[in-house]
Amino acid sequence: MTSLELLHSTGILAHLEVGFRLVLAAALAGLLGWDREEQSRPAGLRTYMLVALAAAVFTVITFEIYETVRQSQTEANADPIRIIEAVTAGVAFLAAGVIIQGRNTVRGLTTGAGMWMAGALGVAAGTGNYVLAVIAALLAFGVLKLAHFVQPQPDTPRGPTLIIETVEDEDREQRT
């Protein structure tokens, strides 16, 4: 029996609880990210949502691993939480490496958040929490693909662009 099943006696409710936790994390962080988008900050809607979603996945996985070890009553010194600490530290290091800061620009934040989310998915799948992994992956995919519809778009010119080129006439300058 997992810790989520302890909360709810039937397995389906436990999965609904996991889904609710993940959706809530992404939605609440989306509010903050949306504000950042409106303020033209480098980390925006998708970045905030992915980071919160990954954090929620790691948290649920932590509860699951702890409960599994507690129930198996194996070695008293076993600390499976160290696995998550190692994965999050390693993935965070890699994710930080893809963030590039230039003059007045920061690139790669969403990629970094996506890498962290991928680490969370790997831990979820690796620990056998398949439903959690699938729900989280679908939510992350939705964040990456569908958040564009609610993100404020930068002002871009609509329609064809007219380019006016001026050419100086050397003959005209010589005549005057």
N, C-alpha and C. Protein backbone atom coordinates (compact mmCIF):
# COMPACT_ATOMS: atom_id res chain seq x y z
N MET A 1 0.85 -1.18 0.00
CA MET A 1 0.00 0.00 0.00
C MET A 1 0.90 1.24 0.00
N THR A 2 0.62 2.19 -0.88
CA THR A 2 1.42 3.41 -0.95
C THR A 2 0.85 4.46 -0.01
N SER A 3 1.63 5.51 0.21
CA SER A 3 1.16 6.59 1.09
C SER A 3 -0.09 7.25 0.54
N LEU A 4 -0.21 7.33 -0.78
CA LEU A 4 -1.41 7.92 -1.35
C LEU A 4 -2.62 7.03 -1.12
N GLU A 5 -2.41 5.72 -1.17
CA GLU A 5 -3.51 4.81 -0.91
C GLU A 5 -3.90 4.83 0.56
N LEU A 6 -2.98 5.21 1.43
CA LEU A 6 -3.35 5.39 2.83
C LEU A 6 -4.29 6.58 2.98
N LEU A 7 -4.10 7.59 2.16
CA LEU A 7 -4.99 8.76 2.20
C LEU A 7 -6.39 8.40 1.70
N HIS A 8 -6.45 7.57 0.68
CA HIS A 8 -7.72 7.18 0.07
C HIS A 8 -7.72 5.66 -0.08
N SER A 9 -8.80 5.05 0.33
CA SER A 9 -8.81 3.59 0.37
C SER A 9 -8.80 2.95 -1.02
N THR A 10 -9.31 3.61 -2.04
CA THR A 10 -9.31 3.01 -3.37
C THR A 10 -8.21 3.63 -4.22
N GLY A 11 -7.58 2.81 -5.04
CA GLY A 11 -6.46 3.25 -5.86
C GLY A 11 -6.79 4.39 -6.80
N ILE A 12 -7.99 4.38 -7.38
CA ILE A 12 -8.34 5.43 -8.35
C ILE A 12 -8.39 6.79 -7.68
N LEU A 13 -8.88 6.85 -6.47
CA LEU A 13 -8.89 8.13 -5.77
C LEU A 13 -7.48 8.60 -5.48
N ALA A 14 -6.59 7.67 -5.19
CA ALA A 14 -5.21 8.04 -4.97
C ALA A 14 -4.62 8.67 -6.24
N HIS A 15 -4.93 8.10 -7.39
CA HIS A 15 -4.43 8.65 -8.65
C HIS A 15 -5.07 10.00 -8.95
N LEU A 16 -6.34 10.15 -8.62
CA LEU A 16 -6.99 11.45 -8.79
C LEU A 16 -6.35 12.49 -7.88
N GLU A 17 -5.99 12.08 -6.68
CA GLU A 17 -5.32 12.98 -5.74
C GLU A 17 -3.97 13.43 -6.30
N VAL A 18 -3.20 12.50 -6.86
CA VAL A 18 -1.92 12.84 -7.47
C VAL A 18 -2.14 13.82 -8.61
N GLY A 19 -3.10 13.53 -9.47
CA GLY A 19 -3.40 14.42 -10.59
C GLY A 19 -3.78 15.81 -10.11
N PHE A 20 -4.60 15.87 -9.08
CA PHE A 20 -5.02 17.17 -8.55
C PHE A 20 -3.82 17.94 -8.01
N ARG A 21 -2.95 17.27 -7.29
CA ARG A 21 -1.76 17.93 -6.74
C ARG A 21 -0.89 18.51 -7.85
N LEU A 22 -0.70 17.75 -8.91
CA LEU A 22 0.14 18.22 -10.01
C LEU A 22 -0.50 19.38 -10.75
N VAL A 23 -1.78 19.26 -11.04
CA VAL A 23 -2.49 20.33 -11.75
C VAL A 23 -2.49 21.61 -10.90
N LEU A 24 -2.75 21.46 -9.62
CA LEU A 24 -2.77 22.63 -8.74
C LEU A 24 -1.41 23.32 -8.70
N ALA A 25 -0.34 22.53 -8.59
CA ALA A 25 1.01 23.12 -8.58
C ALA A 25 1.27 23.90 -9.86
N ALA A 26 0.96 23.29 -10.99
CA ALA A 26 1.20 23.96 -12.28
C ALA A 26 0.32 25.20 -12.43
N ALA A 27 -0.93 25.11 -12.03
CA ALA A 27 -1.85 26.24 -12.18
C ALA A 27 -1.45 27.41 -11.29
N LEU A 28 -1.12 27.14 -10.05
CA LEU A 28 -0.74 28.22 -9.14
C LEU A 28 0.55 28.89 -9.59
N ALA A 29 1.51 28.10 -10.01
CA ALA A 29 2.77 28.68 -10.51
C ALA A 29 2.52 29.43 -11.81
N GLY A 30 1.54 28.97 -12.60
CA GLY A 30 1.18 29.66 -13.83
C GLY A 30 0.73 31.09 -13.58
N LEU A 31 0.03 31.30 -12.47
CA LEU A 31 -0.38 32.66 -12.12
C LEU A 31 0.83 33.56 -11.92
N LEU A 32 1.81 33.05 -11.20
CA LEU A 32 3.03 33.82 -10.98
C LEU A 32 3.79 34.03 -12.28
N GLY A 33 3.88 32.98 -13.08
CA GLY A 33 4.58 33.08 -14.35
C GLY A 33 3.92 34.03 -15.32
N TRP A 34 2.60 34.07 -15.29
CA TRP A 34 1.86 34.98 -16.16
C TRP A 34 2.20 36.42 -15.80
N ASP A 35 2.27 36.71 -14.50
CA ASP A 35 2.67 38.04 -14.06
C ASP A 35 4.07 38.37 -14.57
N ARG A 36 4.98 37.41 -14.50
CA ARG A 36 6.34 37.63 -14.97
C ARG A 36 6.37 37.90 -16.47
N GLU A 37 5.49 37.20 -17.22
CA GLU A 37 5.39 37.44 -18.66
C GLU A 37 4.96 38.88 -18.93
N GLU A 38 3.96 39.33 -18.19
CA GLU A 38 3.47 40.69 -18.40
C GLU A 38 4.51 41.73 -18.04
N GLN A 39 5.42 41.40 -17.14
CA GLN A 39 6.51 42.29 -16.75
C GLN A 39 7.74 42.12 -17.63
N SER A 40 7.62 41.28 -18.67
CA SER A 40 8.72 40.99 -19.60
C SER A 40 9.97 40.48 -18.90
N ARG A 41 9.78 39.60 -17.94
CA ARG A 41 10.90 38.99 -17.24
C ARG A 41 11.34 37.74 -17.98
N PRO A 42 12.61 37.35 -17.85
CA PRO A 42 13.11 36.18 -18.60
C PRO A 42 12.40 34.88 -18.24
N ALA A 43 12.16 34.65 -16.96
CA ALA A 43 11.45 33.44 -16.55
C ALA A 43 9.96 33.77 -16.53
N GLY A 44 9.21 33.07 -17.38
CA GLY A 44 7.80 33.40 -17.51
C GLY A 44 6.88 32.23 -17.22
N LEU A 45 5.77 32.22 -17.90
CA LEU A 45 4.69 31.27 -17.67
C LEU A 45 5.15 29.82 -17.72
N ARG A 46 5.74 29.41 -18.82
CA ARG A 46 6.14 28.01 -18.97
C ARG A 46 7.22 27.62 -17.97
N THR A 47 8.18 28.50 -17.73
CA THR A 47 9.26 28.19 -16.80
C THR A 47 8.71 27.97 -15.40
N TYR A 48 7.88 28.88 -14.92
CA TYR A 48 7.30 28.74 -13.59
C TYR A 48 6.46 27.48 -13.47
N MET A 49 5.66 27.19 -14.49
CA MET A 49 4.80 26.01 -14.44
C MET A 49 5.62 24.72 -14.41
N LEU A 50 6.65 24.64 -15.22
CA LEU A 50 7.49 23.44 -15.25
C LEU A 50 8.24 23.24 -13.93
N VAL A 51 8.74 24.31 -13.36
CA VAL A 51 9.46 24.19 -12.10
C VAL A 51 8.53 23.71 -10.99
N ALA A 52 7.33 24.28 -10.91
CA ALA A 52 6.37 23.85 -9.87
C ALA A 52 5.92 22.42 -10.11
N LEU A 53 5.69 22.06 -11.34
CA LEU A 53 5.26 20.70 -11.67
C LEU A 53 6.36 19.70 -11.29
N ALA A 54 7.59 20.00 -11.62
CA ALA A 54 8.70 19.11 -11.26
C ALA A 54 8.83 19.00 -9.74
N ALA A 55 8.70 20.11 -9.05
CA ALA A 55 8.79 20.08 -7.59
C ALA A 55 7.68 19.22 -6.99
N ALA A 56 6.49 19.32 -7.54
CA ALA A 56 5.38 18.49 -7.05
C ALA A 56 5.64 17.01 -7.32
N VAL A 57 6.18 16.69 -8.49
CA VAL A 57 6.50 15.29 -8.80
C VAL A 57 7.55 14.77 -7.82
N PHE A 58 8.61 15.54 -7.59
CA PHE A 58 9.64 15.11 -6.65
C PHE A 58 9.06 14.92 -5.25
N THR A 59 8.14 15.78 -4.85
CA THR A 59 7.53 15.67 -3.52
C THR A 59 6.69 14.42 -3.40
N VAL A 60 5.85 14.15 -4.39
CA VAL A 60 5.02 12.95 -4.35
C VAL A 60 5.90 11.70 -4.37
N ILE A 61 6.94 11.71 -5.18
CA ILE A 61 7.86 10.58 -5.25
C ILE A 61 8.52 10.36 -3.88
N THR A 62 8.89 11.45 -3.22
CA THR A 62 9.51 11.33 -1.90
C THR A 62 8.59 10.62 -0.92
N PHE A 63 7.31 11.01 -0.90
CA PHE A 63 6.35 10.34 -0.04
C PHE A 63 6.23 8.86 -0.39
N GLU A 64 6.19 8.58 -1.67
CA GLU A 64 6.04 7.19 -2.12
C GLU A 64 7.24 6.34 -1.72
N ILE A 65 8.44 6.85 -1.94
CA ILE A 65 9.64 6.10 -1.60
C ILE A 65 9.72 5.89 -0.09
N TYR A 66 9.47 6.93 0.66
CA TYR A 66 9.53 6.82 2.11
C TYR A 66 8.57 5.75 2.62
N GLU A 67 7.35 5.78 2.11
CA GLU A 67 6.34 4.81 2.56
C GLU A 67 6.71 3.39 2.15
N THR A 68 7.25 3.23 0.97
CA THR A 68 7.67 1.90 0.49
C THR A 68 8.76 1.33 1.39
N VAL A 69 9.76 2.13 1.70
CA VAL A 69 10.86 1.67 2.55
C VAL A 69 10.35 1.39 3.97
N ARG A 70 9.48 2.25 4.48
CA ARG A 70 8.94 2.06 5.83
C ARG A 70 8.17 0.74 5.93
N GLN A 71 7.39 0.44 4.90
CA GLN A 71 6.58 -0.78 4.93
C GLN A 71 7.42 -2.04 4.74
N SER A 72 8.50 -1.93 3.99
CA SER A 72 9.31 -3.12 3.75
C SER A 72 10.14 -3.48 4.97
N GLN A 73 10.30 -2.55 5.87
CA GLN A 73 11.05 -2.73 7.12
C GLN A 73 12.40 -3.39 6.87
N THR A 74 13.07 -2.87 5.86
CA THR A 74 14.42 -3.36 5.57
C THR A 74 15.38 -2.72 6.56
N GLU A 75 16.57 -2.57 6.14
CA GLU A 75 17.61 -1.99 6.99
C GLU A 75 17.16 -0.64 7.56
N ALA A 76 17.33 -0.45 8.84
CA ALA A 76 16.84 0.77 9.51
C ALA A 76 17.57 2.02 9.03
N ASN A 77 18.77 1.88 8.52
CA ASN A 77 19.54 3.05 8.09
C ASN A 77 19.29 3.44 6.64
N ALA A 78 18.40 2.75 5.96
CA ALA A 78 18.14 3.05 4.55
C ALA A 78 17.52 4.44 4.42
N ASP A 79 18.04 5.23 3.48
CA ASP A 79 17.52 6.57 3.25
C ASP A 79 17.36 6.78 1.74
N PRO A 80 16.22 6.35 1.19
CA PRO A 80 16.02 6.46 -0.25
C PRO A 80 15.87 7.89 -0.74
N ILE A 81 15.65 8.82 0.18
CA ILE A 81 15.49 10.21 -0.22
C ILE A 81 16.79 10.74 -0.81
N ARG A 82 17.91 10.15 -0.48
CA ARG A 82 19.19 10.58 -1.04
C ARG A 82 19.23 10.42 -2.56
N ILE A 83 18.47 9.47 -3.07
CA ILE A 83 18.38 9.29 -4.52
C ILE A 83 17.84 10.56 -5.16
N ILE A 84 16.75 11.07 -4.60
CA ILE A 84 16.13 12.27 -5.15
C ILE A 84 17.05 13.47 -4.99
N GLU A 85 17.72 13.58 -3.86
CA GLU A 85 18.67 14.68 -3.67
C GLU A 85 19.76 14.66 -4.74
N ALA A 86 20.27 13.48 -5.03
CA ALA A 86 21.34 13.35 -6.03
C ALA A 86 20.81 13.69 -7.43
N VAL A 87 19.64 13.19 -7.76
CA VAL A 87 19.08 13.45 -9.09
C VAL A 87 18.78 14.94 -9.25
N THR A 88 18.13 15.55 -8.26
CA THR A 88 17.79 16.97 -8.40
C THR A 88 19.04 17.84 -8.49
N ALA A 89 20.06 17.52 -7.72
CA ALA A 89 21.29 18.31 -7.79
C ALA A 89 21.97 18.15 -9.15
N GLY A 90 22.03 16.93 -9.64
CA GLY A 90 22.67 16.69 -10.93
C GLY A 90 21.92 17.32 -12.09
N VAL A 91 20.62 17.16 -12.10
CA VAL A 91 19.81 17.73 -13.18
C VAL A 91 19.82 19.25 -13.10
N ALA A 92 19.77 19.80 -11.89
CA ALA A 92 19.82 21.25 -11.75
C ALA A 92 21.13 21.81 -12.29
N PHE A 93 22.22 21.09 -12.07
CA PHE A 93 23.52 21.51 -12.60
C PHE A 93 23.49 21.53 -14.13
N LEU A 94 22.94 20.48 -14.73
CA LEU A 94 22.83 20.44 -16.20
C LEU A 94 21.91 21.54 -16.71
N ALA A 95 20.79 21.72 -16.04
CA ALA A 95 19.82 22.74 -16.47
C ALA A 95 20.43 24.13 -16.40
N ALA A 96 21.22 24.39 -15.36
CA ALA A 96 21.86 25.70 -15.25
C ALA A 96 22.83 25.94 -16.40
N GLY A 97 23.40 24.87 -16.91
CA GLY A 97 24.34 24.99 -18.02
C GLY A 97 23.72 25.43 -19.33
N VAL A 98 22.41 25.24 -19.49
CA VAL A 98 21.77 25.64 -20.75
C VAL A 98 21.25 27.07 -20.71
N ILE A 99 21.34 27.71 -19.55
CA ILE A 99 20.86 29.09 -19.43
C ILE A 99 21.98 30.02 -19.84
N ILE A 100 21.69 30.87 -20.80
CA ILE A 100 22.69 31.79 -21.36
C ILE A 100 22.22 33.20 -21.09
N GLN A 101 23.09 33.99 -20.48
CA GLN A 101 22.76 35.38 -20.22
C GLN A 101 23.60 36.25 -21.13
N GLY A 102 22.93 37.12 -21.85
CA GLY A 102 23.61 38.04 -22.73
C GLY A 102 23.21 39.46 -22.39
N ARG A 103 23.52 40.36 -23.28
CA ARG A 103 23.11 41.74 -23.06
C ARG A 103 21.60 41.85 -23.13
N ASN A 104 21.01 42.21 -22.02
CA ASN A 104 19.57 42.42 -21.91
C ASN A 104 18.74 41.20 -22.28
N THR A 105 19.33 40.02 -22.34
CA THR A 105 18.57 38.82 -22.67
C THR A 105 19.02 37.65 -21.81
N VAL A 106 18.08 36.77 -21.56
CA VAL A 106 18.37 35.51 -20.91
C VAL A 106 17.67 34.44 -21.73
N ARG A 107 18.40 33.43 -22.11
CA ARG A 107 17.82 32.36 -22.93
C ARG A 107 18.03 31.02 -22.24
N GLY A 108 17.13 30.10 -22.47
CA GLY A 108 17.29 28.75 -21.98
C GLY A 108 16.61 28.44 -20.67
N LEU A 109 15.86 29.39 -20.10
CA LEU A 109 15.20 29.13 -18.83
C LEU A 109 14.17 28.01 -18.93
N THR A 110 13.36 28.06 -19.97
CA THR A 110 12.35 27.01 -20.14
C THR A 110 13.01 25.67 -20.43
N THR A 111 14.09 25.68 -21.18
CA THR A 111 14.83 24.44 -21.43
C THR A 111 15.37 23.88 -20.12
N GLY A 112 15.92 24.74 -19.27
CA GLY A 112 16.41 24.31 -17.97
C GLY A 112 15.30 23.73 -17.11
N ALA A 113 14.15 24.41 -17.09
CA ALA A 113 13.00 23.91 -16.33
C ALA A 113 12.52 22.58 -16.90
N GLY A 114 12.54 22.47 -18.23
CA GLY A 114 12.14 21.22 -18.88
C GLY A 114 13.08 20.08 -18.54
N MET A 115 14.37 20.38 -18.44
CA MET A 115 15.34 19.34 -18.06
C MET A 115 15.09 18.89 -16.62
N TRP A 116 14.77 19.83 -15.75
CA TRP A 116 14.48 19.47 -14.37
C TRP A 116 13.22 18.61 -14.31
N MET A 117 12.23 18.97 -15.13
CA MET A 117 11.01 18.16 -15.22
C MET A 117 11.33 16.77 -15.73
N ALA A 118 12.22 16.68 -16.69
CA ALA A 118 12.61 15.36 -17.22
C ALA A 118 13.26 14.52 -16.12
N GLY A 119 14.03 15.16 -15.26
CA GLY A 119 14.61 14.45 -14.12
C GLY A 119 13.53 13.92 -13.19
N ALA A 120 12.52 14.73 -12.95
CA ALA A 120 11.40 14.29 -12.10
C ALA A 120 10.67 13.11 -12.74
N LEU A 121 10.48 13.17 -14.05
CA LEU A 121 9.81 12.07 -14.75
C LEU A 121 10.65 10.80 -14.67
N GLY A 122 11.95 10.95 -14.78
CA GLY A 122 12.83 9.79 -14.67
C GLY A 122 12.75 9.14 -13.31
N VAL A 123 12.72 9.95 -12.25
CA VAL A 123 12.59 9.39 -10.91
C VAL A 123 11.24 8.71 -10.74
N ALA A 124 10.19 9.36 -11.24
CA ALA A 124 8.84 8.79 -11.12
C ALA A 124 8.76 7.44 -11.83
N ALA A 125 9.26 7.38 -13.05
CA ALA A 125 9.22 6.12 -13.80
C ALA A 125 10.15 5.09 -13.17
N GLY A 126 11.30 5.52 -12.74
CA GLY A 126 12.27 4.60 -12.14
C GLY A 126 11.80 3.98 -10.84
N THR A 127 10.94 4.68 -10.12
CA THR A 127 10.42 4.13 -8.87
C THR A 127 9.11 3.37 -9.06
N GLY A 128 8.68 3.26 -10.33
CA GLY A 128 7.46 2.50 -10.60
C GLY A 128 6.18 3.28 -10.43
N ASN A 129 6.26 4.58 -10.29
CA ASN A 129 5.07 5.43 -10.18
C ASN A 129 4.64 5.86 -11.58
N TYR A 130 4.12 4.89 -12.32
CA TYR A 130 3.81 5.10 -13.73
C TYR A 130 2.71 6.11 -13.95
N VAL A 131 1.67 6.04 -13.15
CA VAL A 131 0.55 6.99 -13.32
C VAL A 131 1.04 8.40 -13.05
N LEU A 132 1.81 8.58 -12.01
CA LEU A 132 2.38 9.89 -11.70
C LEU A 132 3.24 10.38 -12.86
N ALA A 133 4.09 9.52 -13.39
CA ALA A 133 4.97 9.90 -14.50
C ALA A 133 4.16 10.31 -15.73
N VAL A 134 3.13 9.55 -16.05
CA VAL A 134 2.32 9.85 -17.24
C VAL A 134 1.55 11.15 -17.06
N ILE A 135 0.90 11.32 -15.91
CA ILE A 135 0.15 12.56 -15.66
C ILE A 135 1.08 13.76 -15.73
N ALA A 136 2.24 13.66 -15.08
CA ALA A 136 3.19 14.77 -15.07
C ALA A 136 3.71 15.07 -16.47
N ALA A 137 4.00 14.03 -17.25
CA ALA A 137 4.50 14.23 -18.61
C ALA A 137 3.45 14.92 -19.48
N LEU A 138 2.21 14.49 -19.36
CA LEU A 138 1.14 15.11 -20.14
C LEU A 138 0.94 16.57 -19.74
N LEU A 139 0.99 16.84 -18.45
CA LEU A 139 0.87 18.22 -18.00
C LEU A 139 2.04 19.07 -18.50
N ALA A 140 3.25 18.55 -18.41
CA ALA A 140 4.42 19.30 -18.88
C ALA A 140 4.32 19.56 -20.38
N PHE A 141 3.89 18.55 -21.12
CA PHE A 141 3.71 18.73 -22.57
C PHE A 141 2.67 19.81 -22.83
N GLY A 142 1.59 19.78 -22.07
CA GLY A 142 0.56 20.81 -22.20
C GLY A 142 1.09 22.19 -21.89
N VAL A 143 1.91 22.29 -20.86
CA VAL A 143 2.51 23.58 -20.51
C VAL A 143 3.35 24.09 -21.68
N LEU A 144 4.17 23.22 -22.25
CA LEU A 144 5.06 23.65 -23.33
C LEU A 144 4.31 23.98 -24.61
N LYS A 145 3.28 23.21 -24.92
CA LYS A 145 2.58 23.40 -26.20
C LYS A 145 1.39 24.36 -26.12
N LEU A 146 0.68 24.36 -25.01
CA LEU A 146 -0.57 25.12 -24.95
C LEU A 146 -0.45 26.46 -24.24
N ALA A 147 0.61 26.67 -23.49
CA ALA A 147 0.75 27.92 -22.77
C ALA A 147 0.93 29.11 -23.71
N HIS A 148 1.29 28.85 -24.94
CA HIS A 148 1.43 29.94 -25.91
C HIS A 148 0.12 30.69 -26.13
N PHE A 149 -0.99 30.00 -25.92
CA PHE A 149 -2.30 30.62 -26.15
C PHE A 149 -2.66 31.65 -25.09
N VAL A 150 -2.10 31.53 -23.89
CA VAL A 150 -2.39 32.49 -22.84
C VAL A 150 -1.23 33.43 -22.57
N GLN A 151 -0.08 33.16 -23.17
CA GLN A 151 1.07 34.03 -22.99
C GLN A 151 0.85 35.31 -23.77
N PRO A 152 1.16 36.46 -23.15
CA PRO A 152 1.11 37.69 -23.93
C PRO A 152 2.18 37.65 -25.01
N GLN A 153 1.81 37.98 -26.22
CA GLN A 153 2.75 37.93 -27.33
C GLN A 153 3.42 39.29 -27.50
N PRO A 154 4.68 39.30 -27.88
CA PRO A 154 5.36 40.58 -28.10
C PRO A 154 4.73 41.31 -29.29
N ASP A 155 4.83 42.62 -29.25
CA ASP A 155 4.28 43.41 -30.35
C ASP A 155 5.06 43.12 -31.62
N THR A 156 4.37 42.57 -32.59
CA THR A 156 5.00 42.27 -33.87
C THR A 156 4.16 42.91 -34.96
N PRO A 157 4.79 43.39 -35.99
CA PRO A 157 4.02 44.01 -37.07
C PRO A 157 3.14 42.98 -37.76
N ARG A 158 1.94 43.37 -38.10
CA ARG A 158 1.00 42.50 -38.79
C ARG A 158 1.03 42.81 -40.28
N GLY A 159 0.91 41.81 -41.08
CA GLY A 159 0.85 42.02 -42.52
C GLY A 159 2.23 42.21 -43.13
N PRO A 160 2.27 42.58 -44.43
CA PRO A 160 3.56 42.73 -45.11
C PRO A 160 4.31 43.95 -44.59
N THR A 161 5.62 43.85 -44.62
CA THR A 161 6.47 44.93 -44.17
C THR A 161 6.98 45.69 -45.38
N LEU A 162 6.86 47.01 -45.35
CA LEU A 162 7.32 47.86 -46.44
C LEU A 162 8.72 48.37 -46.12
N ILE A 163 9.64 48.12 -47.01
CA ILE A 163 11.02 48.57 -46.82
C ILE A 163 11.28 49.67 -47.82
N ILE A 164 11.69 50.82 -47.31
CA ILE A 164 11.98 51.96 -48.17
C ILE A 164 13.49 52.16 -48.15
N GLU A 165 14.06 52.14 -49.33
CA GLU A 165 15.50 52.28 -49.44
C GLU A 165 15.78 53.58 -50.18
N THR A 166 16.66 54.38 -49.62
CA THR A 166 17.03 55.63 -50.30
C THR A 166 18.40 55.45 -50.93
N VAL A 167 18.51 55.89 -52.13
CA VAL A 167 19.76 55.81 -52.87
C VAL A 167 20.13 57.22 -53.29
N GLU A 168 21.34 57.60 -52.95
CA GLU A 168 21.78 58.93 -53.36
C GLU A 168 22.23 58.89 -54.80
N ASP A 169 21.82 59.86 -55.52
CA ASP A 169 22.17 59.96 -56.93
C ASP A 169 23.43 60.81 -57.04
N GLU A 170 24.56 60.17 -57.40
CA GLU A 170 25.82 60.88 -57.51
C GLU A 170 25.78 61.94 -58.62
N ASP A 171 25.06 61.64 -59.69
CA ASP A 171 24.99 62.61 -60.80
C ASP A 171 24.32 63.88 -60.35
N ARG A 172 23.27 63.80 -59.53
CA ARG A 172 22.53 64.97 -59.08
C ARG A 172 23.42 65.84 -58.21
N GLU A 173 24.25 65.24 -57.40
CA GLU A 173 25.14 66.00 -56.53
C GLU A 173 26.21 66.71 -57.36
N GLN A 174 26.65 66.08 -58.45
CA GLN A 174 27.68 66.70 -59.28
C GLN A 174 27.13 67.88 -60.06
N ARG A 175 25.81 67.85 -60.39
CA ARG A 175 25.21 68.92 -61.17
C ARG A 175 24.98 70.17 -60.36
N THR A 176 24.89 70.09 -59.07
CA THR A 176 24.59 71.29 -58.28
C THR A 176 25.79 71.93 -57.68
